[in-house]
């Protein structure tokens, strides 16, 4: 059995609002960085847009990444860590996996 502190489900922009204040994993494509380097705008697997508040000295070299962080609101994530996912990622497939994870038939079985 896991507890709320153990889970970090993968989400897209449509699912973020359900996890405000919780830790999630956000697979995405880096779109732009702010001029001060404190945030990045990313495109999620469902073609949504999310602003990620980066930790100082975050090193993100890949085009695609998975941010692990706390959901601030439906369009903002506060970064805790990042995993580079390379230069070529099938975001449509990633989104299908996320939708299956969040299907009511499976979510409780996976995250409880």
C-alpha atoms as a PDB file:
ATOM      1  CA  UNK A   1       0.000   0.000   0.000  1.00  0.00           C
ATOM      2  CA  UNK A   2       1.277   3.437  -0.831  1.00  0.00           C
ATOM      3  CA  UNK A   3       0.536   6.662   0.920  1.00  0.00           C
ATOM      4  CA  UNK A   4      -0.091  10.087  -0.599  1.00  0.00           C
ATOM      5  CA  UNK A   5       3.570  10.938  -0.048  1.00  0.00           C
ATOM      6  CA  UNK A   6       4.711   7.898  -2.048  1.00  0.00           C
ATOM      7  CA  UNK A   7       2.820   8.514  -5.283  1.00  0.00           C
ATOM      8  CA  UNK A   8       3.590  10.832  -8.131  1.00  0.00           C
ATOM      9  CA  UNK A   9       1.297   9.956 -11.027  1.00  0.00           C
ATOM     10  CA  UNK A  10       2.058  11.085 -14.548  1.00  0.00           C
ATOM     11  CA  UNK A  11      -0.281  13.831 -15.671  1.00  0.00           C
ATOM     12  CA  UNK A  12      -1.052  16.004 -18.655  1.00  0.00           C
ATOM     13  CA  UNK A  13      -2.461  19.529 -18.457  1.00  0.00           C
ATOM     14  CA  UNK A  14      -6.053  18.267 -18.237  1.00  0.00           C
ATOM     15  CA  UNK A  15      -5.338  16.281 -15.057  1.00  0.00           C
ATOM     16  CA  UNK A  16      -3.251  18.859 -13.178  1.00  0.00           C
ATOM     17  CA  UNK A  17      -6.221  20.548 -11.496  1.00  0.00           C
ATOM     18  CA  UNK A  18      -6.984  17.309  -9.611  1.00  0.00           C
ATOM     19  CA  UNK A  19      -3.514  17.323  -8.018  1.00  0.00           C
ATOM     20  CA  UNK A  20      -3.064  20.853  -6.661  1.00  0.00           C
ATOM     21  CA  UNK A  21      -0.588  20.673  -3.765  1.00  0.00           C
ATOM     22  CA  UNK A  22       0.478  17.130  -4.711  1.00  0.00           C
ATOM     23  CA  UNK A  23       3.590  15.736  -6.368  1.00  0.00           C
ATOM     24  CA  UNK A  24       3.222  14.636  -9.993  1.00  0.00           C
ATOM     25  CA  UNK A  25       5.317  13.744 -13.028  1.00  0.00           C
ATOM     26  CA  UNK A  26       4.779  15.894 -16.104  1.00  0.00           C
ATOM     27  CA  UNK A  27       6.175  14.553 -19.392  1.00  0.00           C
ATOM     28  CA  UNK A  28       6.536  17.463 -21.804  1.00  0.00           C
ATOM     29  CA  UNK A  29       8.374  19.237 -24.585  1.00  0.00           C
ATOM     30  CA  UNK A  30      10.339  22.328 -23.598  1.00  0.00           C
ATOM     31  CA  UNK A  31       8.916  25.303 -25.471  1.00  0.00           C
ATOM     32  CA  UNK A  32      10.645  28.396 -24.042  1.00  0.00           C
ATOM     33  CA  UNK A  33      12.610  29.608 -21.038  1.00  0.00           C
ATOM     34  CA  UNK A  34      12.003  32.897 -19.247  1.00  0.00           C
ATOM     35  CA  UNK A  35      14.684  35.520 -19.754  1.00  0.00           C
ATOM     36  CA  UNK A  36      15.861  35.133 -16.141  1.00  0.00           C
ATOM     37  CA  UNK A  37      15.951  31.317 -16.395  1.00  0.00           C
ATOM     38  CA  UNK A  38      13.565  30.925 -13.476  1.00  0.00           C
ATOM     39  CA  UNK A  39      10.803  29.230 -15.412  1.00  0.00           C
ATOM     40  CA  UNK A  40      10.060  27.301 -18.558  1.00  0.00           C
ATOM     41  CA  UNK A  41       6.918  27.056 -20.629  1.00  0.00           C
ATOM     42  CA  UNK A  42       6.294  23.498 -21.746  1.00  0.00           C
ATOM     43  CA  UNK A  43       3.873  21.684 -24.022  1.00  0.00           C
ATOM     44  CA  UNK A  44       2.251  18.678 -22.374  1.00  0.00           C
ATOM     45  CA  UNK A  45       1.281  15.401 -24.023  1.00  0.00           C
ATOM     46  CA  UNK A  46      -2.290  16.642 -24.563  1.00  0.00           C
ATOM     47  CA  UNK A  47      -0.985  19.837 -26.258  1.00  0.00           C
ATOM     48  CA  UNK A  48      -1.645  21.941 -23.161  1.00  0.00           C
ATOM     49  CA  UNK A  49       0.720  24.601 -21.912  1.00  0.00           C
ATOM     50  CA  UNK A  50       2.175  24.638 -18.391  1.00  0.00           C
ATOM     51  CA  UNK A  51       4.645  26.985 -16.703  1.00  0.00           C
ATOM     52  CA  UNK A  52       7.307  25.166 -14.682  1.00  0.00           C
ATOM     53  CA  UNK A  53       9.091  27.125 -11.950  1.00  0.00           C
ATOM     54  CA  UNK A  54      12.636  25.773 -12.148  1.00  0.00           C
ATOM     55  CA  UNK A  55      14.995  25.104  -9.284  1.00  0.00           C
ATOM     56  CA  UNK A  56      18.196  27.196  -9.331  1.00  0.00           C
ATOM     57  CA  UNK A  57      20.875  25.844 -11.664  1.00  0.00           C
ATOM     58  CA  UNK A  58      18.507  23.311 -13.252  1.00  0.00           C
ATOM     59  CA  UNK A  59      20.292  21.606 -16.127  1.00  0.00           C
ATOM     60  CA  UNK A  60      17.888  20.657 -18.879  1.00  0.00           C
ATOM     61  CA  UNK A  61      19.597  19.710 -22.109  1.00  0.00           C
ATOM     62  CA  UNK A  62      16.982  17.514 -23.807  1.00  0.00           C
ATOM     63  CA  UNK A  63      14.051  18.709 -25.904  1.00  0.00           C
ATOM     64  CA  UNK A  64      11.719  16.369 -24.025  1.00  0.00           C
ATOM     65  CA  UNK A  65      11.705  16.032 -20.255  1.00  0.00           C
ATOM     66  CA  UNK A  66       9.671  14.733 -17.364  1.00  0.00           C
ATOM     67  CA  UNK A  67       9.403  17.213 -14.515  1.00  0.00           C
ATOM     68  CA  UNK A  68       8.702  15.944 -11.038  1.00  0.00           C
ATOM     69  CA  UNK A  69       7.176  18.632  -8.900  1.00  0.00           C
ATOM     70  CA  UNK A  70       4.317  20.082  -6.922  1.00  0.00           C
ATOM     71  CA  UNK A  71       1.225  21.333  -8.730  1.00  0.00           C
ATOM     72  CA  UNK A  72       0.697  24.996  -7.807  1.00  0.00           C
ATOM     73  CA  UNK A  73      -2.444  25.460  -9.891  1.00  0.00           C
ATOM     74  CA  UNK A  74      -3.971  24.025 -13.072  1.00  0.00           C
ATOM     75  CA  UNK A  75      -1.257  25.624 -15.224  1.00  0.00           C
ATOM     76  CA  UNK A  76       1.789  25.803 -12.960  1.00  0.00           C
ATOM     77  CA  UNK A  77       4.262  23.258 -11.578  1.00  0.00           C
ATOM     78  CA  UNK A  78       7.021  23.896  -9.025  1.00  0.00           C
ATOM     79  CA  UNK A  79       9.971  21.723 -10.048  1.00  0.00           C
ATOM     80  CA  UNK A  80      11.649  19.305  -7.644  1.00  0.00           C
ATOM     81  CA  UNK A  81      13.605  17.270 -10.213  1.00  0.00           C
ATOM     82  CA  UNK A  82      13.815  16.594 -13.927  1.00  0.00           C
ATOM     83  CA  UNK A  83      14.562  13.572 -16.086  1.00  0.00           C
ATOM     84  CA  UNK A  84      15.751  14.162 -19.642  1.00  0.00           C
ATOM     85  CA  UNK A  85      13.802  12.134 -22.183  1.00  0.00           C
ATOM     86  CA  UNK A  86      15.844  12.777 -25.291  1.00  0.00           C
ATOM     87  CA  UNK A  87      15.214  14.494 -28.576  1.00  0.00           C
ATOM     88  CA  UNK A  88      12.430  12.291 -29.949  1.00  0.00           C
ATOM     89  CA  UNK A  89       9.428  11.198 -27.887  1.00  0.00           C
ATOM     90  CA  UNK A  90       6.039  10.010 -29.137  1.00  0.00           C
ATOM     91  CA  UNK A  91       3.864  12.434 -27.166  1.00  0.00           C
ATOM     92  CA  UNK A  92       0.645  10.942 -28.569  1.00  0.00           C
ATOM     93  CA  UNK A  93       1.619   7.577 -27.084  1.00  0.00           C
ATOM     94  CA  UNK A  94       2.624   9.222 -23.794  1.00  0.00           C
ATOM     95  CA  UNK A  95      -0.805  10.857 -23.657  1.00  0.00           C
ATOM     96  CA  UNK A  96      -2.587   7.549 -24.287  1.00  0.00           C
ATOM     97  CA  UNK A  97      -0.685   5.992 -21.377  1.00  0.00           C
ATOM     98  CA  UNK A  98      -1.608   8.916 -19.116  1.00  0.00           C
ATOM     99  CA  UNK A  99      -5.277   8.601 -20.054  1.00  0.00           C
ATOM    100  CA  UNK A 100      -5.240   4.864 -19.265  1.00  0.00           C
ATOM    101  CA  UNK A 101      -3.563   5.549 -15.905  1.00  0.00           C
ATOM    102  CA  UNK A 102      -6.290   8.054 -15.007  1.00  0.00           C
ATOM    103  CA  UNK A 103      -9.170   5.876 -16.224  1.00  0.00           C
ATOM    104  CA  UNK A 104     -11.379   5.224 -13.189  1.00  0.00           C
ATOM    105  CA  UNK A 105     -11.159   1.480 -13.848  1.00  0.00           C
ATOM    106  CA  UNK A 106      -7.392   1.503 -13.264  1.00  0.00           C
ATOM    107  CA  UNK A 107      -6.312   4.547 -11.229  1.00  0.00           C
ATOM    108  CA  UNK A 108      -7.188   3.129  -7.798  1.00  0.00           C
ATOM    109  CA  UNK A 109      -5.543  -0.193  -8.641  1.00  0.00           C
ATOM    110  CA  UNK A 110      -2.329   1.502  -9.698  1.00  0.00           C
ATOM    111  CA  UNK A 111      -2.115   4.182  -6.980  1.00  0.00           C
ATOM    112  CA  UNK A 112      -3.512   2.566  -3.845  1.00  0.00           C
END
